[in-house]
Amino acid sequence: MTADEVRRLVEHILQDEEIMDHPSMPGLTRARLREAARAADFEPNRFGRLSAAVMVWFARAGVTVLEDDKAPNEWIRPRPLISTERAELRRRLQAVDPPDGDAITIARNAGLDSSAT
């Protein structure tokens, strides 16, 4: 993803009411991420292949947090964003390289694909 694509995606994530303001379970899931990407005019098939990497990258960068440590796996619940400050999110993402294929495999084995939320 280019820097402009990341910026555009973050903008749509921050504007997504379900991600930011869901009454009982705010946060990012792969399904919600795909919806934000669709709203940002990403090509669905291309982004679908990237969504797991984006979820892992955001988690590694500390952009999203795990709030429910009693969940059966770390990916089953939505992961809220730590801030609505675009500069802070951008700084954190720039500080961490996007994950490689091994990191994605580890996350999938830990349950990344198990959440349908």
N, C-alpha and C. Protein backbone atom coordinates (compact mmCIF):
# COMPACT_ATOMS: atom_id res chain seq x y z
N MET A 1 0.84 -1.18 0.00
CA MET A 1 0.00 0.00 0.00
C MET A 1 0.88 1.24 0.00
N THR A 2 0.44 2.23 -0.72
CA THR A 2 1.17 3.49 -0.74
C THR A 2 0.82 4.32 0.50
N ALA A 3 1.62 5.33 0.78
CA ALA A 3 1.35 6.22 1.92
C ALA A 3 -0.01 6.90 1.75
N ASP A 4 -0.35 7.28 0.52
CA ASP A 4 -1.65 7.91 0.28
C ASP A 4 -2.80 6.94 0.53
N GLU A 5 -2.62 5.67 0.16
CA GLU A 5 -3.66 4.67 0.41
C GLU A 5 -3.84 4.44 1.91
N VAL A 6 -2.75 4.40 2.64
CA VAL A 6 -2.84 4.24 4.09
C VAL A 6 -3.57 5.44 4.70
N ARG A 7 -3.23 6.64 4.26
CA ARG A 7 -3.87 7.85 4.78
C ARG A 7 -5.37 7.79 4.50
N ARG A 8 -5.73 7.43 3.28
CA ARG A 8 -7.14 7.35 2.89
C ARG A 8 -7.88 6.30 3.70
N LEU A 9 -7.25 5.17 3.92
CA LEU A 9 -7.86 4.11 4.70
C LEU A 9 -8.09 4.55 6.15
N VAL A 10 -7.08 5.17 6.75
CA VAL A 10 -7.21 5.66 8.13
C VAL A 10 -8.34 6.68 8.22
N GLU A 11 -8.44 7.57 7.25
CA GLU A 11 -9.53 8.56 7.25
C GLU A 11 -10.90 7.87 7.29
N HIS A 12 -11.06 6.84 6.47
CA HIS A 12 -12.34 6.14 6.42
C HIS A 12 -12.59 5.31 7.68
N ILE A 13 -11.55 4.77 8.25
CA ILE A 13 -11.70 4.06 9.52
C ILE A 13 -12.20 5.02 10.59
N LEU A 14 -11.59 6.21 10.67
CA LEU A 14 -11.97 7.19 11.69
C LEU A 14 -13.38 7.74 11.48
N GLN A 15 -13.88 7.66 10.26
CA GLN A 15 -15.24 8.13 9.97
C GLN A 15 -16.29 7.04 10.10
N ASP A 16 -15.86 5.80 10.26
CA ASP A 16 -16.78 4.67 10.31
C ASP A 16 -17.41 4.58 11.71
N GLU A 17 -18.72 4.76 11.78
CA GLU A 17 -19.41 4.77 13.07
C GLU A 17 -19.33 3.43 13.79
N GLU A 18 -19.41 2.35 13.06
CA GLU A 18 -19.36 1.04 13.70
C GLU A 18 -17.99 0.79 14.33
N ILE A 19 -16.93 1.18 13.65
CA ILE A 19 -15.58 1.02 14.19
C ILE A 19 -15.37 1.94 15.39
N MET A 20 -15.73 3.18 15.25
CA MET A 20 -15.40 4.17 16.28
C MET A 20 -16.43 4.28 17.39
N ASP A 21 -17.71 4.07 17.09
CA ASP A 21 -18.75 4.39 18.06
C ASP A 21 -19.79 3.30 18.29
N HIS A 22 -19.50 2.07 17.93
CA HIS A 22 -20.47 1.00 18.15
C HIS A 22 -20.81 0.99 19.64
N PRO A 23 -22.10 0.94 19.99
CA PRO A 23 -22.49 1.08 21.40
C PRO A 23 -21.93 0.00 22.32
N SER A 24 -21.79 -1.22 21.85
CA SER A 24 -21.31 -2.27 22.75
C SER A 24 -19.92 -2.81 22.38
N MET A 25 -19.55 -2.75 21.10
CA MET A 25 -18.27 -3.33 20.70
C MET A 25 -17.59 -2.49 19.61
N PRO A 26 -17.11 -1.31 19.97
CA PRO A 26 -16.38 -0.54 18.97
C PRO A 26 -15.04 -1.20 18.67
N GLY A 27 -14.52 -0.94 17.51
CA GLY A 27 -13.20 -1.45 17.18
C GLY A 27 -13.12 -2.01 15.78
N LEU A 28 -11.92 -2.36 15.42
CA LEU A 28 -11.62 -2.83 14.08
C LEU A 28 -11.69 -4.35 14.03
N THR A 29 -12.38 -4.86 13.03
CA THR A 29 -12.38 -6.29 12.70
C THR A 29 -12.06 -6.36 11.21
N ARG A 30 -11.78 -7.55 10.71
CA ARG A 30 -11.51 -7.66 9.28
C ARG A 30 -12.72 -7.24 8.46
N ALA A 31 -13.92 -7.62 8.90
CA ALA A 31 -15.13 -7.26 8.16
C ALA A 31 -15.31 -5.74 8.15
N ARG A 32 -15.13 -5.11 9.28
CA ARG A 32 -15.27 -3.65 9.35
C ARG A 32 -14.17 -2.96 8.55
N LEU A 33 -12.97 -3.52 8.60
CA LEU A 33 -11.87 -2.97 7.81
C LEU A 33 -12.18 -3.04 6.32
N ARG A 34 -12.74 -4.16 5.88
CA ARG A 34 -13.10 -4.29 4.45
C ARG A 34 -14.17 -3.27 4.06
N GLU A 35 -15.12 -3.01 4.95
CA GLU A 35 -16.15 -1.99 4.67
C GLU A 35 -15.52 -0.59 4.56
N ALA A 36 -14.61 -0.27 5.46
CA ALA A 36 -13.93 1.03 5.39
C ALA A 36 -13.12 1.13 4.11
N ALA A 37 -12.47 0.04 3.71
CA ALA A 37 -11.70 0.03 2.47
C ALA A 37 -12.60 0.21 1.26
N ARG A 38 -13.76 -0.42 1.29
CA ARG A 38 -14.73 -0.26 0.20
C ARG A 38 -15.18 1.20 0.11
N ALA A 39 -15.44 1.82 1.26
CA ALA A 39 -15.85 3.23 1.28
C ALA A 39 -14.74 4.14 0.78
N ALA A 40 -13.49 3.69 0.94
CA ALA A 40 -12.34 4.47 0.48
C ALA A 40 -11.99 4.16 -0.98
N ASP A 41 -12.85 3.39 -1.65
CA ASP A 41 -12.69 3.03 -3.06
C ASP A 41 -11.50 2.12 -3.35
N PHE A 42 -11.15 1.27 -2.40
CA PHE A 42 -10.13 0.26 -2.68
C PHE A 42 -10.78 -0.85 -3.48
N GLU A 43 -10.05 -1.47 -4.37
CA GLU A 43 -10.55 -2.58 -5.16
C GLU A 43 -10.72 -3.77 -4.20
N PRO A 44 -11.95 -4.30 -4.05
CA PRO A 44 -12.23 -5.31 -3.03
C PRO A 44 -11.33 -6.55 -3.06
N ASN A 45 -11.09 -7.11 -4.23
CA ASN A 45 -10.27 -8.33 -4.29
C ASN A 45 -8.83 -8.05 -3.87
N ARG A 46 -8.28 -6.94 -4.32
CA ARG A 46 -6.91 -6.58 -3.95
C ARG A 46 -6.83 -6.33 -2.45
N PHE A 47 -7.78 -5.57 -1.92
CA PHE A 47 -7.71 -5.25 -0.50
C PHE A 47 -8.00 -6.47 0.36
N GLY A 48 -8.86 -7.35 -0.09
CA GLY A 48 -9.15 -8.57 0.66
C GLY A 48 -7.89 -9.35 0.96
N ARG A 49 -6.96 -9.36 0.02
CA ARG A 49 -5.69 -10.06 0.23
C ARG A 49 -4.80 -9.31 1.22
N LEU A 50 -5.00 -8.01 1.37
CA LEU A 50 -4.17 -7.19 2.26
C LEU A 50 -4.75 -7.03 3.67
N SER A 51 -6.02 -7.34 3.84
CA SER A 51 -6.70 -7.01 5.10
C SER A 51 -6.06 -7.67 6.32
N ALA A 52 -5.63 -8.92 6.21
CA ALA A 52 -4.98 -9.57 7.36
C ALA A 52 -3.69 -8.85 7.72
N ALA A 53 -2.91 -8.48 6.70
CA ALA A 53 -1.67 -7.76 6.95
C ALA A 53 -1.93 -6.42 7.62
N VAL A 54 -2.97 -5.72 7.19
CA VAL A 54 -3.31 -4.42 7.78
C VAL A 54 -3.70 -4.61 9.24
N MET A 55 -4.51 -5.62 9.55
CA MET A 55 -4.91 -5.87 10.94
C MET A 55 -3.68 -6.13 11.82
N VAL A 56 -2.76 -6.96 11.35
CA VAL A 56 -1.56 -7.28 12.12
C VAL A 56 -0.68 -6.04 12.25
N TRP A 57 -0.53 -5.29 11.18
CA TRP A 57 0.30 -4.07 11.20
C TRP A 57 -0.25 -3.07 12.23
N PHE A 58 -1.56 -2.83 12.20
CA PHE A 58 -2.17 -1.91 13.14
C PHE A 58 -1.96 -2.38 14.58
N ALA A 59 -2.09 -3.68 14.82
CA ALA A 59 -1.89 -4.22 16.18
C ALA A 59 -0.44 -4.06 16.62
N ARG A 60 0.50 -4.43 15.75
CA ARG A 60 1.93 -4.31 16.07
C ARG A 60 2.34 -2.87 16.33
N ALA A 61 1.74 -1.95 15.60
CA ALA A 61 2.07 -0.53 15.75
C ALA A 61 1.41 0.09 16.97
N GLY A 62 0.53 -0.65 17.62
CA GLY A 62 -0.18 -0.11 18.77
C GLY A 62 -1.30 0.84 18.39
N VAL A 63 -1.75 0.78 17.14
CA VAL A 63 -2.86 1.62 16.67
C VAL A 63 -4.18 1.06 17.17
N THR A 64 -4.24 -0.27 17.30
CA THR A 64 -5.41 -0.92 17.89
C THR A 64 -4.95 -1.65 19.14
N VAL A 65 -5.89 -1.87 20.05
CA VAL A 65 -5.56 -2.55 21.30
C VAL A 65 -6.52 -3.71 21.54
N LEU A 66 -6.04 -4.67 22.27
CA LEU A 66 -6.85 -5.80 22.69
C LEU A 66 -7.48 -5.43 24.02
N GLU A 67 -8.80 -5.34 24.04
CA GLU A 67 -9.47 -4.95 25.28
C GLU A 67 -9.98 -6.14 26.08
N ASP A 68 -10.25 -7.24 25.43
CA ASP A 68 -10.84 -8.40 26.10
C ASP A 68 -9.80 -9.51 26.19
N ASP A 69 -9.03 -9.51 27.28
CA ASP A 69 -7.98 -10.53 27.39
C ASP A 69 -8.52 -11.89 27.83
N LYS A 70 -9.82 -12.00 28.04
CA LYS A 70 -10.43 -13.28 28.38
C LYS A 70 -11.04 -13.97 27.15
N ALA A 71 -10.97 -13.31 26.01
CA ALA A 71 -11.51 -13.89 24.77
C ALA A 71 -10.71 -15.14 24.41
N PRO A 72 -11.34 -16.08 23.70
CA PRO A 72 -10.65 -17.32 23.32
C PRO A 72 -9.41 -17.10 22.46
N ASN A 73 -9.38 -16.02 21.71
CA ASN A 73 -8.16 -15.66 20.98
C ASN A 73 -8.12 -14.15 20.84
N GLU A 74 -6.94 -13.64 20.54
CA GLU A 74 -6.77 -12.18 20.53
C GLU A 74 -7.43 -11.46 19.36
N TRP A 75 -7.96 -12.21 18.40
CA TRP A 75 -8.55 -11.60 17.21
C TRP A 75 -10.06 -11.71 17.16
N ILE A 76 -10.69 -12.38 18.10
CA ILE A 76 -12.11 -12.67 17.99
C ILE A 76 -13.00 -11.46 18.29
N ARG A 77 -12.50 -10.51 19.04
CA ARG A 77 -13.27 -9.30 19.38
C ARG A 77 -12.74 -8.11 18.60
N PRO A 78 -13.58 -7.11 18.38
CA PRO A 78 -13.10 -5.88 17.74
C PRO A 78 -11.96 -5.26 18.55
N ARG A 79 -11.02 -4.68 17.84
CA ARG A 79 -9.86 -4.05 18.47
C ARG A 79 -9.99 -2.53 18.33
N PRO A 80 -10.34 -1.83 19.42
CA PRO A 80 -10.51 -0.37 19.35
C PRO A 80 -9.20 0.35 18.98
N LEU A 81 -9.36 1.50 18.34
CA LEU A 81 -8.21 2.34 18.04
C LEU A 81 -7.79 3.09 19.30
N ILE A 82 -6.51 3.36 19.44
CA ILE A 82 -6.01 4.03 20.63
C ILE A 82 -6.27 5.53 20.61
N SER A 83 -6.56 6.07 19.43
CA SER A 83 -6.69 7.51 19.31
C SER A 83 -7.48 7.87 18.06
N THR A 84 -8.01 9.07 18.05
CA THR A 84 -8.61 9.61 16.83
C THR A 84 -7.69 10.65 16.21
N GLU A 85 -6.52 10.83 16.80
CA GLU A 85 -5.53 11.78 16.29
C GLU A 85 -4.77 11.18 15.11
N ARG A 86 -5.03 11.71 13.94
CA ARG A 86 -4.42 11.17 12.73
C ARG A 86 -2.90 11.16 12.78
N ALA A 87 -2.32 12.23 13.31
CA ALA A 87 -0.85 12.33 13.38
C ALA A 87 -0.27 11.23 14.26
N GLU A 88 -0.93 10.93 15.36
CA GLU A 88 -0.47 9.88 16.27
C GLU A 88 -0.56 8.51 15.60
N LEU A 89 -1.66 8.24 14.91
CA LEU A 89 -1.81 6.97 14.20
C LEU A 89 -0.75 6.84 13.10
N ARG A 90 -0.56 7.90 12.36
CA ARG A 90 0.44 7.90 11.28
C ARG A 90 1.84 7.66 11.85
N ARG A 91 2.17 8.33 12.96
CA ARG A 91 3.50 8.18 13.57
C ARG A 91 3.72 6.73 13.98
N ARG A 92 2.72 6.14 14.60
CA ARG A 92 2.85 4.75 15.05
C ARG A 92 3.00 3.78 13.86
N LEU A 93 2.22 4.00 12.81
CA LEU A 93 2.32 3.12 11.65
C LEU A 93 3.66 3.25 10.95
N GLN A 94 4.19 4.47 10.89
CA GLN A 94 5.49 4.68 10.25
C GLN A 94 6.63 4.07 11.06
N ALA A 95 6.44 3.90 12.35
CA ALA A 95 7.49 3.38 13.22
C ALA A 95 7.64 1.86 13.15
N VAL A 96 6.67 1.19 12.52
CA VAL A 96 6.67 -0.27 12.46
C VAL A 96 6.51 -0.70 11.01
N ASP A 97 7.38 -1.60 10.58
CA ASP A 97 7.24 -2.13 9.22
C ASP A 97 5.99 -2.98 9.11
N PRO A 98 5.33 -2.95 7.95
CA PRO A 98 4.21 -3.87 7.75
C PRO A 98 4.68 -5.30 7.93
N PRO A 99 3.81 -6.20 8.38
CA PRO A 99 4.22 -7.58 8.66
C PRO A 99 4.55 -8.36 7.40
N ASP A 100 5.39 -9.38 7.59
CA ASP A 100 5.70 -10.28 6.48
C ASP A 100 4.75 -11.48 6.51
N GLY A 101 4.92 -12.36 5.57
CA GLY A 101 4.03 -13.52 5.44
C GLY A 101 4.04 -14.41 6.68
N ASP A 102 5.20 -14.55 7.33
CA ASP A 102 5.27 -15.38 8.54
C ASP A 102 4.41 -14.80 9.65
N ALA A 103 4.43 -13.49 9.82
CA ALA A 103 3.63 -12.84 10.86
C ALA A 103 2.14 -13.03 10.58
N ILE A 104 1.76 -12.98 9.31
CA ILE A 104 0.35 -13.18 8.95
C ILE A 104 -0.06 -14.62 9.26
N THR A 105 0.79 -15.57 8.93
CA THR A 105 0.51 -16.98 9.21
C THR A 105 0.34 -17.20 10.71
N ILE A 106 1.22 -16.62 11.50
CA ILE A 106 1.12 -16.74 12.96
C ILE A 106 -0.20 -16.16 13.46
N ALA A 107 -0.57 -14.99 12.94
CA ALA A 107 -1.83 -14.36 13.36
C ALA A 107 -3.03 -15.21 12.94
N ARG A 108 -2.99 -15.78 11.76
CA ARG A 108 -4.09 -16.64 11.32
C ARG A 108 -4.18 -17.88 12.20
N ASN A 109 -3.04 -18.45 12.55
CA ASN A 109 -3.03 -19.62 13.44
C ASN A 109 -3.54 -19.25 14.83
N ALA A 110 -3.40 -17.98 15.20
CA ALA A 110 -3.88 -17.50 16.51
C ALA A 110 -5.34 -17.08 16.46
N GLY A 111 -6.00 -17.23 15.29
CA GLY A 111 -7.42 -16.97 15.20
C GLY A 111 -7.84 -15.74 14.41
N LEU A 112 -6.94 -15.11 13.69
CA LEU A 112 -7.28 -13.88 12.94
C LEU A 112 -8.48 -14.08 12.03
N ASP A 113 -8.56 -15.22 11.37
CA ASP A 113 -9.67 -15.44 10.43
C ASP A 113 -10.94 -15.98 11.09
N SER A 114 -10.92 -16.14 12.41
CA SER A 114 -12.07 -16.74 13.09
C SER A 114 -13.19 -15.76 13.38
N SER A 115 -12.92 -14.45 13.27
CA SER A 115 -13.93 -13.44 13.60
C SER A 115 -14.73 -13.07 12.37
N ALA A 116 -16.04 -13.20 12.48
CA ALA A 116 -16.92 -12.80 11.38
C ALA A 116 -17.54 -11.44 11.64
N THR A 117 -17.18 -10.81 12.77
CA THR A 117 -17.78 -9.54 13.14
C THR A 117 -17.37 -8.42 12.23
